Amino acid sequence: MTDLSSLNNLKNLQQLDIEGIPINDSTTLNNLKSLKSLSKLCIFDTGASSTDIASLKSSLPNCEIISDSPQDEGMILYDYSGDHPIHP
């Protein structure tokens, strides 16, 4: 299990990329719900369920959450070399 609880102390954190970090349960993502200052969160290749991602989006309404969840109708792909959205 991945422990992201230490991030709870970063109350002014604005952007976070947890690409490739294995997320096997809802507790892991629940640790991010207290990060109300997040404006952008990238969750790619983590194994997080679409239900857990939806719950996180509900808890962080001002945060743009970008994921590869097959259930994520609002998925946005980014070209990180220029930080510009790629529109399919």
PDB file of N, CA and C in Angstrom:
ATOM      1  N   MET A   1       0.844  -1.182   0.000  1.00  0.00           N
ATOM      2  CA  MET A   1       0.000   0.000   0.000  1.00  0.00           C
ATOM      3  C   MET A   1       0.889   1.244   0.000  1.00  0.00           C
ATOM      4  N   THR A   2       0.504   2.217  -0.782  1.00  0.00           N
ATOM      5  CA  THR A   2       1.219   3.489  -0.849  1.00  0.00           C
ATOM      6  C   THR A   2       0.670   4.422   0.222  1.00  0.00           C
ATOM      7  N   ASP A   3       1.555   5.066   0.963  1.00  0.00           N
ATOM      8  CA  ASP A   3       1.138   5.971   2.023  1.00  0.00           C
ATOM      9  C   ASP A   3       1.398   7.415   1.589  1.00  0.00           C
ATOM     10  N   LEU A   4       0.316   8.143   1.331  1.00  0.00           N
ATOM     11  CA  LEU A   4       0.423   9.549   0.944  1.00  0.00           C
ATOM     12  C   LEU A   4       0.053  10.474   2.100  1.00  0.00           C
ATOM     13  N   SER A   5      -0.093   9.924   3.304  1.00  0.00           N
ATOM     14  CA  SER A   5      -0.551  10.729   4.437  1.00  0.00           C
ATOM     15  C   SER A   5       0.408  11.864   4.784  1.00  0.00           C
ATOM     16  N   SER A   6       1.687  11.706   4.485  1.00  0.00           N
ATOM     17  CA  SER A   6       2.635  12.785   4.803  1.00  0.00           C
ATOM     18  C   SER A   6       2.365  14.045   3.986  1.00  0.00           C
ATOM     19  N   LEU A   7       1.632  13.908   2.889  1.00  0.00           N
ATOM     20  CA  LEU A   7       1.289  15.084   2.075  1.00  0.00           C
ATOM     21  C   LEU A   7       0.277  15.986   2.766  1.00  0.00           C
ATOM     22  N   ASN A   8      -0.423  15.467   3.765  1.00  0.00           N
ATOM     23  CA  ASN A   8      -1.427  16.265   4.478  1.00  0.00           C
ATOM     24  C   ASN A   8      -0.836  17.507   5.126  1.00  0.00           C
ATOM     25  N   ASN A   9       0.459  17.492   5.399  1.00  0.00           N
ATOM     26  CA  ASN A   9       1.107  18.650   6.023  1.00  0.00           C
ATOM     27  C   ASN A   9       1.403  19.762   5.024  1.00  0.00           C
ATOM     28  N   LEU A  10       1.252  19.496   3.753  1.00  0.00           N
ATOM     29  CA  LEU A  10       1.570  20.484   2.706  1.00  0.00           C
ATOM     30  C   LEU A  10       0.301  21.256   2.330  1.00  0.00           C
ATOM     31  N   LYS A  11      -0.167  22.058   3.241  1.00  0.00           N
ATOM     32  CA  LYS A  11      -1.452  22.752   3.081  1.00  0.00           C
ATOM     33  C   LYS A  11      -1.475  23.749   1.925  1.00  0.00           C
ATOM     34  N   ASN A  12      -0.326  24.205   1.451  1.00  0.00           N
ATOM     35  CA  ASN A  12      -0.281  25.171   0.344  1.00  0.00           C
ATOM     36  C   ASN A  12       0.102  24.539  -0.984  1.00  0.00           C
ATOM     37  N   LEU A  13       0.149  23.211  -1.021  1.00  0.00           N
ATOM     38  CA  LEU A  13       0.499  22.502  -2.248  1.00  0.00           C
ATOM     39  C   LEU A  13      -0.533  22.799  -3.329  1.00  0.00           C
ATOM     40  N   GLN A  14      -0.071  23.206  -4.511  1.00  0.00           N
ATOM     41  CA  GLN A  14      -0.994  23.584  -5.576  1.00  0.00           C
ATOM     42  C   GLN A  14      -1.074  22.560  -6.693  1.00  0.00           C
ATOM     43  N   GLN A  15       0.028  21.861  -6.979  1.00  0.00           N
ATOM     44  CA  GLN A  15       0.022  20.866  -8.049  1.00  0.00           C
ATOM     45  C   GLN A  15       0.700  19.599  -7.577  1.00  0.00           C
ATOM     46  N   LEU A  16       0.147  18.456  -7.991  1.00  0.00           N
ATOM     47  CA  LEU A  16       0.694  17.172  -7.583  1.00  0.00           C
ATOM     48  C   LEU A  16       0.525  16.173  -8.719  1.00  0.00           C
ATOM     49  N   ASP A  17       1.573  15.428  -8.998  1.00  0.00           N
ATOM     50  CA  ASP A  17       1.541  14.387 -10.023  1.00  0.00           C
ATOM     51  C   ASP A  17       1.913  13.076  -9.338  1.00  0.00           C
ATOM     52  N   ILE A  18       0.975  12.147  -9.263  1.00  0.00           N
ATOM     53  CA  ILE A  18       1.246  10.855  -8.643  1.00  0.00           C
ATOM     54  C   ILE A  18       1.238   9.738  -9.686  1.00  0.00           C
ATOM     55  N   GLU A  19       1.656  10.073 -10.888  1.00  0.00           N
ATOM     56  CA  GLU A  19       1.709   9.098 -11.980  1.00  0.00           C
ATOM     57  C   GLU A  19       2.579   7.910 -11.594  1.00  0.00           C
ATOM     58  N   GLY A  20       2.038   6.710 -11.817  1.00  0.00           N
ATOM     59  CA  GLY A  20       2.789   5.483 -11.612  1.00  0.00           C
ATOM     60  C   GLY A  20       2.879   5.011 -10.176  1.00  0.00           C
ATOM     61  N   ILE A  21       2.316   5.765  -9.241  1.00  0.00           N
ATOM     62  CA  ILE A  21       2.337   5.343  -7.837  1.00  0.00           C
ATOM     63  C   ILE A  21       1.141   4.408  -7.622  1.00  0.00           C
ATOM     64  N   PRO A  22       1.395   3.169  -7.202  1.00  0.00           N
ATOM     65  CA  PRO A  22       0.292   2.222  -7.048  1.00  0.00           C
ATOM     66  C   PRO A  22      -0.690   2.634  -5.950  1.00  0.00           C
ATOM     67  N   ILE A  23      -1.957   2.673  -6.318  1.00  0.00           N
ATOM     68  CA  ILE A  23      -3.022   3.005  -5.371  1.00  0.00           C
ATOM     69  C   ILE A  23      -3.967   1.813  -5.341  1.00  0.00           C
ATOM     70  N   ASN A  24      -3.936   1.079  -4.242  1.00  0.00           N
ATOM     71  CA  ASN A  24      -4.697  -0.156  -4.161  1.00  0.00           C
ATOM     72  C   ASN A  24      -5.988  -0.025  -3.344  1.00  0.00           C
ATOM     73  N   ASP A  25      -6.181   1.095  -2.691  1.00  0.00           N
ATOM     74  CA  ASP A  25      -7.380   1.236  -1.876  1.00  0.00           C
ATOM     75  C   ASP A  25      -7.808   2.700  -1.786  1.00  0.00           C
ATOM     76  N   SER A  26      -9.020   2.897  -1.333  1.00  0.00           N
ATOM     77  CA  SER A  26      -9.561   4.260  -1.262  1.00  0.00           C
ATOM     78  C   SER A  26      -8.879   5.097  -0.183  1.00  0.00           C
ATOM     79  N   THR A  27      -8.305   4.465   0.827  1.00  0.00           N
ATOM     80  CA  THR A  27      -7.634   5.208   1.896  1.00  0.00           C
ATOM     81  C   THR A  27      -6.501   6.064   1.349  1.00  0.00           C
ATOM     82  N   THR A  28      -5.794   5.548   0.367  1.00  0.00           N
ATOM     83  CA  THR A  28      -4.660   6.273  -0.207  1.00  0.00           C
ATOM     84  C   THR A  28      -5.116   7.595  -0.807  1.00  0.00           C
ATOM     85  N   LEU A  29      -6.163   7.582  -1.620  1.00  0.00           N
ATOM     86  CA  LEU A  29      -6.661   8.824  -2.217  1.00  0.00           C
ATOM     87  C   LEU A  29      -7.358   9.701  -1.183  1.00  0.00           C
ATOM     88  N   ASN A  30      -7.963   9.091  -0.179  1.00  0.00           N
ATOM     89  CA  ASN A  30      -8.622   9.879   0.874  1.00  0.00           C
ATOM     90  C   ASN A  30      -7.636  10.797   1.574  1.00  0.00           C
ATOM     91  N   ASN A  31      -6.372  10.398   1.622  1.00  0.00           N
ATOM     92  CA  ASN A  31      -5.348  11.241   2.235  1.00  0.00           C
ATOM     93  C   ASN A  31      -5.175  12.563   1.497  1.00  0.00           C
ATOM     94  N   LEU A  32      -5.581  12.624   0.245  1.00  0.00           N
ATOM     95  CA  LEU A  32      -5.416  13.843  -0.551  1.00  0.00           C
ATOM     96  C   LEU A  32      -6.588  14.809  -0.388  1.00  0.00           C
ATOM     97  N   LYS A  33      -7.670  14.353   0.202  1.00  0.00           N
ATOM     98  CA  LYS A  33      -8.882  15.177   0.301  1.00  0.00           C
ATOM     99  C   LYS A  33      -8.704  16.426   1.152  1.00  0.00           C
ATOM    100  N   SER A  34      -7.711  16.430   2.028  1.00  0.00           N
ATOM    101  CA  SER A  34      -7.488  17.603   2.882  1.00  0.00           C
ATOM    102  C   SER A  34      -6.660  18.678   2.188  1.00  0.00           C
ATOM    103  N   LEU A  35      -6.161  18.391   0.994  1.00  0.00           N
ATOM    104  CA  LEU A  35      -5.308  19.344   0.267  1.00  0.00           C
ATOM    105  C   LEU A  35      -6.174  20.312  -0.544  1.00  0.00           C
ATOM    106  N   LYS A  36      -6.879  21.154   0.154  1.00  0.00           N
ATOM    107  CA  LYS A  36      -7.851  22.069  -0.469  1.00  0.00           C
ATOM    108  C   LYS A  36      -7.209  23.118  -1.369  1.00  0.00           C
ATOM    109  N   SER A  37      -5.900  23.331  -1.254  1.00  0.00           N
ATOM    110  CA  SER A  37      -5.235  24.322  -2.104  1.00  0.00           C
ATOM    111  C   SER A  37      -4.815  23.753  -3.459  1.00  0.00           C
ATOM    112  N   LEU A  38      -4.992  22.435  -3.653  1.00  0.00           N
ATOM    113  CA  LEU A  38      -4.613  21.843  -4.938  1.00  0.00           C
ATOM    114  C   LEU A  38      -5.434  22.442  -6.074  1.00  0.00           C
ATOM    115  N   SER A  39      -4.756  22.838  -7.119  1.00  0.00           N
ATOM    116  CA  SER A  39      -5.454  23.327  -8.310  1.00  0.00           C
ATOM    117  C   SER A  39      -5.329  22.334  -9.466  1.00  0.00           C
ATOM    118  N   LYS A  40      -4.348  21.417  -9.374  1.00  0.00           N
ATOM    119  CA  LYS A  40      -4.143  20.449 -10.440  1.00  0.00           C
ATOM    120  C   LYS A  40      -3.565  19.164  -9.848  1.00  0.00           C
ATOM    121  N   LEU A  41      -4.195  18.038 -10.172  1.00  0.00           N
ATOM    122  CA  LEU A  41      -3.747  16.734  -9.696  1.00  0.00           C
ATOM    123  C   LEU A  41      -3.760  15.762 -10.863  1.00  0.00           C
ATOM    124  N   CYS A  42      -2.625  15.143 -11.127  1.00  0.00           N
ATOM    125  CA  CYS A  42      -2.511  14.160 -12.211  1.00  0.00           C
ATOM    126  C   CYS A  42      -2.451  12.764 -11.608  1.00  0.00           C
ATOM    127  N   ILE A  43      -3.392  11.920 -12.020  1.00  0.00           N
ATOM    128  CA  ILE A  43      -3.475  10.545 -11.524  1.00  0.00           C
ATOM    129  C   ILE A  43      -3.466   9.610 -12.734  1.00  0.00           C
ATOM    130  N   PHE A  44      -2.289   9.267 -13.216  1.00  0.00           N
ATOM    131  CA  PHE A  44      -2.153   8.365 -14.355  1.00  0.00           C
ATOM    132  C   PHE A  44      -1.462   7.088 -13.920  1.00  0.00           C
ATOM    133  N   ASP A  45      -1.884   5.968 -14.467  1.00  0.00           N
ATOM    134  CA  ASP A  45      -1.199   4.689 -14.279  1.00  0.00           C
ATOM    135  C   ASP A  45      -1.006   4.354 -12.805  1.00  0.00           C
ATOM    136  N   THR A  46      -2.084   4.521 -12.022  1.00  0.00           N
ATOM    137  CA  THR A  46      -2.009   4.259 -10.585  1.00  0.00           C
ATOM    138  C   THR A  46      -2.854   3.051 -10.173  1.00  0.00           C
ATOM    139  N   GLY A  47      -3.837   2.702 -10.988  1.00  0.00           N
ATOM    140  CA  GLY A  47      -4.761   1.633 -10.624  1.00  0.00           C
ATOM    141  C   GLY A  47      -5.904   2.122  -9.757  1.00  0.00           C
ATOM    142  N   ALA A  48      -6.001   3.434  -9.541  1.00  0.00           N
ATOM    143  CA  ALA A  48      -7.096   3.992  -8.739  1.00  0.00           C
ATOM    144  C   ALA A  48      -8.417   3.737  -9.449  1.00  0.00           C
ATOM    145  N   SER A  49      -9.420   3.396  -8.675  1.00  0.00           N
ATOM    146  CA  SER A  49     -10.730   3.109  -9.265  1.00  0.00           C
ATOM    147  C   SER A  49     -11.431   4.404  -9.669  1.00  0.00           C
ATOM    148  N   SER A  50     -12.318   4.292 -10.624  1.00  0.00           N
ATOM    149  CA  SER A  50     -13.073   5.468 -11.063  1.00  0.00           C
ATOM    150  C   SER A  50     -13.956   5.993  -9.940  1.00  0.00           C
ATOM    151  N   THR A  51     -14.439   5.109  -9.070  1.00  0.00           N
ATOM    152  CA  THR A  51     -15.252   5.520  -7.923  1.00  0.00           C
ATOM    153  C   THR A  51     -14.431   6.370  -6.955  1.00  0.00           C
ATOM    154  N   ASP A  52     -13.206   5.934  -6.685  1.00  0.00           N
ATOM    155  CA  ASP A  52     -12.337   6.696  -5.781  1.00  0.00           C
ATOM    156  C   ASP A  52     -11.953   8.049  -6.372  1.00  0.00           C
ATOM    157  N   ILE A  53     -11.723   8.090  -7.676  1.00  0.00           N
ATOM    158  CA  ILE A  53     -11.382   9.352  -8.335  1.00  0.00           C
ATOM    159  C   ILE A  53     -12.579  10.296  -8.304  1.00  0.00           C
ATOM    160  N   ALA A  54     -13.779   9.765  -8.528  1.00  0.00           N
ATOM    161  CA  ALA A  54     -14.985  10.594  -8.470  1.00  0.00           C
ATOM    162  C   ALA A  54     -15.190  11.165  -7.072  1.00  0.00           C
ATOM    163  N   SER A  55     -14.914  10.365  -6.050  1.00  0.00           N
ATOM    164  CA  SER A  55     -15.032  10.837  -4.670  1.00  0.00           C
ATOM    165  C   SER A  55     -14.032  11.950  -4.390  1.00  0.00           C
ATOM    166  N   LEU A  56     -12.834  11.792  -4.911  1.00  0.00           N
ATOM    167  CA  LEU A  56     -11.798  12.815  -4.740  1.00  0.00           C
ATOM    168  C   LEU A  56     -12.201  14.108  -5.442  1.00  0.00           C
ATOM    169  N   LYS A  57     -12.756  13.985  -6.656  1.00  0.00           N
ATOM    170  CA  LYS A  57     -13.219  15.174  -7.389  1.00  0.00           C
ATOM    171  C   LYS A  57     -14.308  15.906  -6.610  1.00  0.00           C
ATOM    172  N   SER A  58     -15.161  15.152  -5.964  1.00  0.00           N
ATOM    173  CA  SER A  58     -16.231  15.755  -5.169  1.00  0.00           C
ATOM    174  C   SER A  58     -15.665  16.510  -3.973  1.00  0.00           C
ATOM    175  N   SER A  59     -14.602  15.987  -3.381  1.00  0.00           N
ATOM    176  CA  SER A  59     -13.984  16.616  -2.210  1.00  0.00           C
ATOM    177  C   SER A  59     -13.101  17.808  -2.564  1.00  0.00           C
ATOM    178  N   LEU A  60     -12.614  17.835  -3.806  1.00  0.00           N
ATOM    179  CA  LEU A  60     -11.724  18.917  -4.261  1.00  0.00           C
ATOM    180  C   LEU A  60     -12.333  19.591  -5.498  1.00  0.00           C
ATOM    181  N   PRO A  61     -13.449  20.289  -5.341  1.00  0.00           N
ATOM    182  CA  PRO A  61     -14.157  20.844  -6.493  1.00  0.00           C
ATOM    183  C   PRO A  61     -13.377  21.909  -7.270  1.00  0.00           C
ATOM    184  N   ASN A  62     -12.395  22.543  -6.640  1.00  0.00           N
ATOM    185  CA  ASN A  62     -11.621  23.584  -7.325  1.00  0.00           C
ATOM    186  C   ASN A  62     -10.329  23.056  -7.930  1.00  0.00           C
ATOM    187  N   CYS A  63     -10.191  21.740  -7.930  1.00  0.00           N
ATOM    188  CA  CYS A  63      -8.976  21.114  -8.437  1.00  0.00           C
ATOM    189  C   CYS A  63      -9.259  20.424  -9.766  1.00  0.00           C
ATOM    190  N   GLU A  64      -8.424  20.692 -10.751  1.00  0.00           N
ATOM    191  CA  GLU A  64      -8.510  19.994 -12.031  1.00  0.00           C
ATOM    192  C   GLU A  64      -7.819  18.646 -11.847  1.00  0.00           C
ATOM    193  N   ILE A  65      -8.616  17.580 -11.856  1.00  0.00           N
ATOM    194  CA  ILE A  65      -8.069  16.236 -11.673  1.00  0.00           C
ATOM    195  C   ILE A  65      -8.012  15.556 -13.026  1.00  0.00           C
ATOM    196  N   ILE A  66      -6.821  15.182 -13.396  1.00  0.00           N
ATOM    197  CA  ILE A  66      -6.568  14.590 -14.707  1.00  0.00           C
ATOM    198  C   ILE A  66      -6.201  13.132 -14.479  1.00  0.00           C
ATOM    199  N   SER A  67      -6.985  12.225 -15.055  1.00  0.00           N
ATOM    200  CA  SER A  67      -6.746  10.810 -14.807  1.00  0.00           C
ATOM    201  C   SER A  67      -6.883  10.007 -16.093  1.00  0.00           C
ATOM    202  N   ASP A  68      -6.503   8.746 -15.994  1.00  0.00           N
ATOM    203  CA  ASP A  68      -6.666   7.839 -17.121  1.00  0.00           C
ATOM    204  C   ASP A  68      -7.752   6.811 -16.829  1.00  0.00           C
ATOM    205  N   SER A  69      -8.630   7.145 -15.900  1.00  0.00           N
ATOM    206  CA  SER A  69      -9.727   6.251 -15.558  1.00  0.00           C
ATOM    207  C   SER A  69     -10.648   6.100 -16.760  1.00  0.00           C
ATOM    208  N   PRO A  70     -10.972   4.856 -17.132  1.00  0.00           N
ATOM    209  CA  PRO A  70     -11.856   4.659 -18.293  1.00  0.00           C
ATOM    210  C   PRO A  70     -13.240   5.245 -18.086  1.00  0.00           C
ATOM    211  N   GLN A  71     -13.629   5.476 -16.851  1.00  0.00           N
ATOM    212  CA  GLN A  71     -14.940   6.051 -16.549  1.00  0.00           C
ATOM    213  C   GLN A  71     -14.904   7.574 -16.491  1.00  0.00           C
ATOM    214  N   ASP A  72     -13.735   8.155 -16.674  1.00  0.00           N
ATOM    215  CA  ASP A  72     -13.569   9.600 -16.536  1.00  0.00           C
ATOM    216  C   ASP A  72     -13.910  10.289 -17.854  1.00  0.00           C
ATOM    217  N   GLU A  73     -15.157  10.746 -17.965  1.00  0.00           N
ATOM    218  CA  GLU A  73     -15.595  11.391 -19.199  1.00  0.00           C
ATOM    219  C   GLU A  73     -14.913  12.731 -19.415  1.00  0.00           C
ATOM    220  N   GLY A  74     -14.407  13.337 -18.349  1.00  0.00           N
ATOM    221  CA  GLY A  74     -13.759  14.634 -18.456  1.00  0.00           C
ATOM    222  C   GLY A  74     -12.254  14.520 -18.581  1.00  0.00           C
ATOM    223  N   MET A  75     -11.769  13.370 -19.026  1.00  0.00           N
ATOM    224  CA  MET A  75     -10.325  13.156 -19.079  1.00  0.00           C
ATOM    225  C   MET A  75      -9.669  14.138 -20.050  1.00  0.00           C
ATOM    226  N   ILE A  76      -8.583  14.705 -19.603  1.00  0.00           N
ATOM    227  CA  ILE A  76      -7.788  15.617 -20.418  1.00  0.00           C
ATOM    228  C   ILE A  76      -6.390  15.046 -20.504  1.00  0.00           C
ATOM    229  N   LEU A  77      -5.856  14.938 -21.703  1.00  0.00           N
ATOM    230  CA  LEU A  77      -4.485  14.472 -21.870  1.00  0.00           C
ATOM    231  C   LEU A  77      -3.587  15.675 -22.046  1.00  0.00           C
ATOM    232  N   TYR A  78      -2.403  15.628 -21.439  1.00  0.00           N
ATOM    233  CA  TYR A  78      -1.476  16.747 -21.500  1.00  0.00           C
ATOM    234  C   TYR A  78      -0.176  16.367 -22.173  1.00  0.00           C
ATOM    235  N   ASP A  79       0.366  17.298 -22.900  1.00  0.00           N
ATOM    236  CA  ASP A  79       1.713  17.202 -23.445  1.00  0.00           C
ATOM    237  C   ASP A  79       2.593  17.919 -22.429  1.00  0.00           C
ATOM    238  N   TYR A  80       3.298  17.145 -21.590  1.00  0.00           N
ATOM    239  CA  TYR A  80       4.044  17.753 -20.497  1.00  0.00           C
ATOM    240  C   TYR A  80       5.263  18.530 -20.968  1.00  0.00           C
ATOM    241  N   SER A  81       5.642  18.386 -22.221  1.00  0.00           N
ATOM    242  CA  SER A  81       6.770  19.178 -22.706  1.00  0.00           C
ATOM    243  C   SER A  81       6.390  20.654 -22.816  1.00  0.00           C
ATOM    244  N   GLY A  82       5.111  20.915 -23.018  1.00  0.00           N
ATOM    245  CA  GLY A  82       4.655  22.294 -23.117  1.00  0.00           C
ATOM    246  C   GLY A  82       3.496  22.594 -22.215  1.00  0.00           C
ATOM    247  N   ASP A  83       3.028  21.558 -21.463  1.00  0.00           N
ATOM    248  CA  ASP A  83       1.907  21.698 -20.542  1.00  0.00           C
ATOM    249  C   ASP A  83       0.657  22.219 -21.229  1.00  0.00           C
ATOM    250  N   HIS A  84       0.396  21.691 -22.416  1.00  0.00           N
ATOM    251  CA  HIS A  84      -0.782  22.081 -23.175  1.00  0.00           C
ATOM    252  C   HIS A  84      -1.691  20.872 -23.341  1.00  0.00           C
ATOM    253  N   PRO A  85      -2.994  21.057 -23.218  1.00  0.00           N
ATOM    254  CA  PRO A  85      -3.892  19.929 -23.428  1.00  0.00           C
ATOM    255  C   PRO A  85      -3.791  19.381 -24.844  1.00  0.00           C
ATOM    256  N   ILE A  86      -3.946  18.077 -24.961  1.00  0.00           N
ATOM    257  CA  ILE A  86      -4.013  17.417 -26.265  1.00  0.00           C
ATOM    258  C   ILE A  86      -5.485  17.056 -26.459  1.00  0.00           C
ATOM    259  N   HIS A  87      -6.085  17.555 -27.480  1.00  0.00           N
ATOM    260  CA  HIS A  87      -7.481  17.261 -27.742  1.00  0.00           C
ATOM    261  C   HIS A  87      -7.579  16.117 -28.733  1.00  0.00           C
ATOM    262  N   PRO A  88      -8.191  14.989 -28.305  1.00  0.00           N
ATOM    263  CA  PRO A  88      -8.274  13.830 -29.204  1.00  0.00           C
ATOM    264  C   PRO A  88      -9.133  14.093 -30.416  1.00  0.00           C
TER     265      PRO A  88
END
